[in-house]
Amino acid sequence: MYYFIVNPQSSSGLGIKEWAIVKEELAKQNVLYQAYFTEYMGHAIKLAKQICTENEGIKNIVVLGGDGTINEVINGIDRYSEVLLGYIPSGSSNDLARSLNIPRDPLEALAHILKPTKFKYLDHGIMSFPGLDLAPRKFSCSSGIGYDANVCNEVQSSPLKKSLNHFHLGKFVYYLITIKQIVTLKNMSATIIVDGVRKESYNGFVFACNMIHKYEGGGLMMAPDADPTDGKLSICLVHDLKRLQCFMLLPTIIKGSHVKHKNVETFNCSEIEIITSEVTSIHTDGEIPAVYSHIKVSCLPEQMRMIL
């Protein structure tokens, strides 16, 4: 039995079109399945919990949606040992699929799921919000605070994303808003504690990305050396940049060469705590769980098993 969690609105309606293709192929192959459709933000969390609660043994859960849908699904799974996860990417950024070389074509991705030849145990992270009455949030690809999360926050509410998604160009909205956010960039300071020991302060904090995989933001190689199986977060910390330097740094992120810049620090750790002087956006896999000034992020010991 396969349990499909489908986001019909992913990439401005592309999800339902690709589900029609997948559904037809499932019928041709007489595959036994149940399909669940998300109706609002956070619904995939409830659907994943429902599937895990109502069914015994190993659950074959297949997600058809974008990185945000995957994020919700992993937040609804309590015991990864009882889940085998498949993914048919239909979002606008698809950073997880890009990292894992999961085919963009829905029938090709489905073929791997129905006749799997390779599995991988993958790390995922969790973010908590000290002092805020908010449940911790897990993430599969990346999380961040500051400038990059401000971009994600604006992208979520941008009508331009919906328009570009109709032409399969949704990821370009990230680039446009990335440029816009530099113009409005506000100066703030931050204190960062790594693995509970190393403590640093930055007067010109720009952002910190806590990466499990290499990519975020529709293909930006934020952490070129990230290994999603090493049990570590790959941190990309940017500080003390003037606006002109930010503009010059942007193109280098596409290929990952930004890590050579003197004001970009990269390192691996098990846990990082970040306290900013100003309230700012926070993201997990491009979703905005809070606008706040204090986060703790760690890599969870339990890995999830995924079909590649």
Protein backbone atom coordinates (compact mmCIF):
# COMPACT_ATOMS: atom_id res chain seq x y z
CA MET A 1 0.00 0.00 0.00
CA TYR A 2 1.26 3.47 -0.92
CA TYR A 3 0.07 6.59 0.88
CA PHE A 4 0.31 9.66 -1.33
CA ILE A 5 0.27 13.12 0.23
CA VAL A 6 -0.42 15.52 -2.62
CA ASN A 7 -0.17 19.29 -2.57
CA PRO A 8 -2.44 20.22 -5.50
CA GLN A 9 -1.45 23.88 -5.25
CA SER A 10 2.33 23.34 -5.38
CA SER A 11 3.93 25.57 -8.02
CA SER A 12 0.59 27.36 -8.52
CA GLY A 13 -1.43 24.33 -9.54
CA LEU A 14 1.26 22.21 -11.17
CA GLY A 15 0.82 19.68 -8.39
CA ILE A 16 -2.70 18.67 -9.38
CA LYS A 17 -1.68 18.35 -13.03
CA GLU A 18 1.21 16.07 -12.16
CA TRP A 19 -1.00 14.07 -9.80
CA ALA A 20 -3.33 13.36 -12.75
CA ILE A 21 -0.36 11.91 -14.64
CA VAL A 22 0.73 9.84 -11.65
CA LYS A 23 -2.82 8.65 -10.93
CA GLU A 24 -3.23 7.39 -14.49
CA GLU A 25 0.02 5.43 -14.27
CA LEU A 26 -0.97 3.92 -10.92
CA ALA A 27 -4.21 2.72 -12.48
CA LYS A 28 -2.35 1.19 -15.44
CA GLN A 29 -0.13 -0.79 -13.07
CA ASN A 30 -2.96 -1.72 -10.68
CA VAL A 31 -1.08 -0.21 -7.76
CA LEU A 32 -2.89 -0.19 -4.42
CA TYR A 33 -2.80 3.28 -2.89
CA GLN A 34 -4.61 5.95 -0.90
CA ALA A 35 -4.31 9.64 -1.76
CA TYR A 36 -4.58 12.55 0.66
CA PHE A 37 -4.76 16.16 -0.57
CA THR A 38 -3.54 19.17 1.37
CA GLU A 39 -6.07 21.97 1.73
CA TYR A 40 -4.21 24.57 3.79
CA MET A 41 -0.82 25.38 5.26
CA GLY A 42 0.11 22.79 7.90
CA HIS A 43 -2.37 20.21 6.62
CA ALA A 44 0.39 17.81 5.47
CA ILE A 45 1.59 17.60 9.08
CA LYS A 46 -1.83 16.34 10.16
CA LEU A 47 -2.10 13.96 7.21
CA ALA A 48 1.30 12.40 7.92
CA LYS A 49 0.37 11.96 11.59
CA GLN A 50 -2.93 10.38 10.57
CA ILE A 51 -1.25 7.89 8.24
CA CYS A 52 1.32 6.92 10.86
CA THR A 53 -1.31 6.55 13.60
CA GLU A 54 -3.91 4.59 11.67
CA ASN A 55 -1.59 2.08 9.97
CA GLU A 56 0.75 -0.53 11.43
CA GLY A 57 4.11 -1.67 10.12
CA ILE A 58 6.23 0.12 7.52
CA LYS A 59 4.37 2.97 5.82
CA ASN A 60 5.27 3.82 2.22
CA ILE A 61 4.57 7.55 2.17
CA VAL A 62 5.00 9.37 -1.13
CA VAL A 63 5.01 13.17 -1.23
CA LEU A 64 3.97 15.02 -4.36
CA GLY A 65 4.71 18.68 -3.75
CA GLY A 66 7.57 21.03 -3.06
CA ASP A 67 10.15 21.47 -0.31
CA GLY A 68 7.49 23.03 1.93
CA THR A 69 5.29 19.95 1.61
CA ILE A 70 8.20 17.66 2.46
CA ASN A 71 8.89 19.89 5.46
CA GLU A 72 5.35 19.47 6.76
CA VAL A 73 5.36 15.71 6.20
CA ILE A 74 8.55 15.11 8.20
CA ASN A 75 7.08 17.23 10.99
CA GLY A 76 4.13 14.82 11.09
CA ILE A 77 6.27 11.67 11.31
CA ASP A 78 7.23 10.56 14.83
CA ARG A 79 9.08 7.30 14.12
CA TYR A 80 11.20 7.30 11.00
CA SER A 81 11.98 3.62 11.44
CA GLU A 82 8.39 2.90 10.40
CA VAL A 83 8.39 5.05 7.25
CA LEU A 84 9.83 4.67 3.78
CA LEU A 85 9.65 8.06 2.08
CA GLY A 86 9.27 8.69 -1.64
CA TYR A 87 9.25 12.05 -3.36
CA ILE A 88 7.80 13.36 -6.61
CA PRO A 89 8.93 17.01 -6.80
CA SER A 90 6.39 19.52 -8.10
CA GLY A 91 7.45 22.70 -6.31
CA SER A 92 9.08 25.86 -7.59
CA SER A 93 12.47 25.36 -5.93
CA ASN A 94 12.80 21.57 -5.39
CA ASP A 95 16.11 21.85 -3.53
CA LEU A 96 15.81 18.45 -1.87
CA ALA A 97 15.23 16.75 -5.23
CA ARG A 98 18.16 18.66 -6.70
CA SER A 99 20.47 17.52 -3.91
CA LEU A 100 19.40 13.88 -4.21
CA ASN A 101 19.16 13.78 -8.03
CA ILE A 102 15.50 12.80 -7.88
CA PRO A 103 14.02 13.12 -11.39
CA ARG A 104 11.83 16.13 -12.09
CA ASP A 105 9.67 14.11 -14.46
CA PRO A 106 6.76 12.68 -12.40
CA LEU A 107 6.60 9.33 -14.21
CA GLU A 108 10.34 8.82 -13.90
CA ALA A 109 10.23 9.66 -10.19
CA LEU A 110 7.25 7.32 -9.75
CA ALA A 111 9.07 4.49 -11.51
CA HIS A 112 11.88 4.67 -8.94
CA ILE A 113 9.35 4.65 -6.10
CA LEU A 114 7.41 1.63 -7.37
CA LYS A 115 10.55 -0.35 -8.17
CA PRO A 116 13.18 1.04 -5.79
CA THR A 117 16.79 0.06 -6.30
CA LYS A 118 18.45 2.49 -3.91
CA PHE A 119 17.65 3.85 -0.46
CA LYS A 120 19.49 6.42 1.59
CA TYR A 121 19.38 7.30 5.27
CA LEU A 122 19.29 11.08 5.54
CA ASP A 123 19.83 13.55 8.35
CA HIS A 124 17.32 16.17 9.27
CA GLY A 125 17.51 19.10 11.64
CA ILE A 126 15.31 20.64 14.29
CA MET A 127 14.89 24.25 15.38
CA SER A 128 13.55 25.49 18.72
CA PHE A 129 12.68 29.00 19.85
CA PRO A 130 13.80 29.67 23.46
CA GLY A 131 11.39 31.92 25.31
CA LEU A 132 8.68 31.57 22.67
CA ASP A 133 5.61 29.39 23.13
CA LEU A 134 6.10 27.56 19.84
CA ALA A 135 6.75 23.88 19.16
CA PRO A 136 10.13 22.94 17.67
CA ARG A 137 10.21 22.64 13.89
CA LYS A 138 12.07 19.98 11.91
CA PHE A 139 13.61 20.60 8.49
CA SER A 140 15.03 18.42 5.73
CA CYS A 141 17.18 20.77 3.61
CA SER A 142 17.99 23.99 5.41
CA SER A 143 17.04 26.55 8.00
CA GLY A 144 18.18 30.09 8.57
CA ILE A 145 17.82 33.41 10.33
CA GLY A 146 18.32 36.92 9.00
CA TYR A 147 18.63 38.02 5.41
CA ASP A 148 17.99 34.68 3.66
CA ALA A 149 14.91 34.06 5.81
CA ASN A 150 13.66 37.57 5.01
CA VAL A 151 13.85 36.57 1.35
CA CYS A 152 11.84 33.40 2.04
CA ASN A 153 9.28 35.41 4.01
CA GLU A 154 8.67 37.83 1.16
CA VAL A 155 8.66 35.07 -1.46
CA GLN A 156 5.85 33.29 0.37
CA SER A 157 3.54 36.28 0.06
CA SER A 158 4.68 37.44 -3.37
CA PRO A 159 2.05 37.41 -6.16
CA LEU A 160 4.99 37.39 -8.58
CA LYS A 161 5.86 33.83 -7.56
CA LYS A 162 2.40 32.63 -8.52
CA SER A 163 2.63 34.38 -11.88
CA LEU A 164 6.06 32.97 -12.70
CA ASN A 165 5.07 29.48 -11.58
CA HIS A 166 2.59 29.35 -14.45
CA PHE A 167 5.61 29.50 -16.78
CA HIS A 168 7.69 27.11 -14.62
CA LEU A 169 9.95 30.02 -13.67
CA GLY A 170 9.01 30.26 -10.01
CA LYS A 171 12.57 30.01 -8.74
CA PHE A 172 13.45 33.33 -10.38
CA VAL A 173 11.30 35.16 -7.87
CA TYR A 174 13.90 34.15 -5.27
CA TYR A 175 16.59 35.94 -7.26
CA LEU A 176 14.50 39.09 -7.72
CA ILE A 177 13.53 39.36 -4.06
CA THR A 178 17.08 38.51 -3.03
CA ILE A 179 18.21 41.67 -4.80
CA LYS A 180 15.38 43.73 -3.36
CA GLN A 181 16.16 42.63 0.20
CA ILE A 182 19.74 43.87 -0.09
CA VAL A 183 18.45 47.40 -0.69
CA THR A 184 16.39 47.26 2.51
CA LEU A 185 18.99 45.36 4.56
CA LYS A 186 19.11 46.51 8.18
CA ASN A 187 22.18 46.34 10.37
CA MET A 188 22.01 44.10 13.45
CA SER A 189 24.35 42.28 15.78
CA ALA A 190 24.30 38.65 16.86
CA THR A 191 25.79 36.28 19.39
CA ILE A 192 26.45 32.74 18.20
CA ILE A 193 27.21 29.73 20.39
CA VAL A 194 28.51 26.58 18.66
CA ASP A 195 28.11 23.17 20.32
CA GLY A 196 27.61 24.91 23.65
CA VAL A 197 31.27 25.95 23.80
CA ARG A 198 32.48 28.39 21.15
CA LYS A 199 30.92 31.84 21.48
CA GLU A 200 31.31 34.67 18.97
CA SER A 201 29.76 38.11 18.61
CA TYR A 202 29.18 39.93 15.32
CA ASN A 203 28.24 43.61 14.99
CA GLY A 204 27.36 43.29 11.31
CA PHE A 205 25.40 40.04 11.23
CA VAL A 206 23.74 39.41 7.85
CA PHE A 207 22.47 35.83 8.05
CA ALA A 208 23.25 32.29 9.10
CA CYS A 209 22.15 29.22 7.14
CA ASN A 210 22.04 25.85 8.89
CA MET A 211 22.27 23.34 6.07
CA ILE A 212 21.65 19.61 5.83
CA HIS A 213 21.94 19.59 2.02
CA LYS A 214 23.89 21.80 -0.37
CA TYR A 215 21.06 23.87 -1.82
CA GLU A 216 18.39 26.32 -0.82
CA GLY A 217 16.42 29.09 -2.49
CA GLY A 218 15.87 27.33 -5.79
CA GLY A 219 19.36 26.01 -6.46
CA LEU A 220 21.72 28.33 -4.56
CA MET A 221 24.68 26.22 -3.45
CA MET A 222 24.86 27.67 0.03
CA ALA A 223 26.90 24.80 1.52
CA PRO A 224 28.91 23.13 -1.27
CA ASP A 225 30.50 20.61 1.10
CA ALA A 226 27.36 19.62 3.00
CA ASP A 227 26.91 15.88 3.54
CA PRO A 228 23.31 14.89 4.40
CA THR A 229 24.48 11.69 6.09
CA ASP A 230 27.27 12.89 8.43
CA GLY A 231 25.10 13.82 11.43
CA LYS A 232 26.23 17.45 11.27
CA LEU A 233 24.88 20.85 10.34
CA SER A 234 26.85 22.72 7.69
CA ILE A 235 26.80 26.38 8.70
CA CYS A 236 27.19 29.32 6.35
CA LEU A 237 27.58 32.54 8.33
CA VAL A 238 27.78 35.92 6.58
CA HIS A 239 28.73 39.10 8.42
CA ASP A 240 30.16 42.63 8.06
CA LEU A 241 29.24 43.19 4.44
CA LYS A 242 28.31 46.52 2.87
CA ARG A 243 25.48 46.61 0.36
CA LEU A 244 27.83 46.75 -2.63
CA GLN A 245 29.71 43.73 -1.28
CA CYS A 246 26.41 41.88 -0.90
CA PHE A 247 25.57 42.52 -4.54
CA MET A 248 28.99 41.27 -5.58
CA LEU A 249 28.68 38.17 -3.40
CA LEU A 250 25.27 37.11 -4.74
CA PRO A 251 26.34 35.59 -8.10
CA THR A 252 29.06 33.54 -6.41
CA ILE A 253 26.48 31.63 -4.31
CA ILE A 254 25.09 29.93 -7.42
CA LYS A 255 28.25 27.85 -7.79
CA GLY A 256 29.25 27.90 -4.12
CA SER A 257 32.37 30.03 -4.49
CA HIS A 258 31.06 32.56 -1.94
CA VAL A 259 32.66 30.43 0.77
CA LYS A 260 36.06 31.86 -0.23
CA HIS A 261 35.05 35.38 0.81
CA LYS A 262 36.70 36.63 4.01
CA ASN A 263 33.35 37.61 5.54
CA VAL A 264 31.77 34.23 4.94
CA GLU A 265 32.45 31.59 7.59
CA THR A 266 31.65 27.93 7.03
CA PHE A 267 31.93 25.13 9.57
CA ASN A 268 30.21 21.94 10.72
CA CYS A 269 28.66 21.44 14.12
CA SER A 270 26.06 19.40 15.97
CA GLU A 271 24.25 22.39 17.48
CA ILE A 272 24.17 26.15 17.03
CA GLU A 273 22.42 28.85 19.03
CA ILE A 274 21.86 32.29 17.51
CA ILE A 275 20.67 35.40 19.35
CA THR A 276 20.12 38.54 17.26
CA SER A 277 19.75 42.11 18.46
CA GLU A 278 16.63 42.60 16.34
CA VAL A 279 13.57 40.47 15.66
CA THR A 280 14.01 38.98 12.20
CA SER A 281 12.60 36.28 9.92
CA ILE A 282 13.39 32.62 10.53
CA HIS A 283 12.88 29.83 8.02
CA THR A 284 12.83 26.04 7.90
CA ASP A 285 12.96 24.70 4.32
CA GLY A 286 11.73 28.07 3.09
CA GLU A 287 8.71 28.08 5.44
CA ILE A 288 8.43 30.80 8.10
CA PRO A 289 7.58 29.34 11.53
CA ALA A 290 8.38 32.57 13.38
CA VAL A 291 9.74 36.09 13.30
CA TYR A 292 11.95 36.16 16.36
CA SER A 293 15.44 36.81 17.71
CA HIS A 294 16.59 33.55 19.35
CA ILE A 295 16.91 30.06 17.89
CA LYS A 296 18.59 26.76 18.71
CA VAL A 297 19.28 24.37 15.85
CA SER A 298 20.64 20.84 15.95
CA CYS A 299 20.96 17.75 13.79
CA LEU A 300 18.72 14.96 15.04
CA PRO A 301 20.29 11.52 15.62
CA GLU A 302 17.47 9.57 13.94
CA GLN A 303 17.72 9.48 10.15
CA MET A 304 14.88 9.12 7.66
CA ARG A 305 14.94 6.45 4.95
CA MET A 306 14.27 7.76 1.47
CA ILE A 307 13.95 6.23 -1.99
CA LEU A 308 16.40 7.59 -4.55
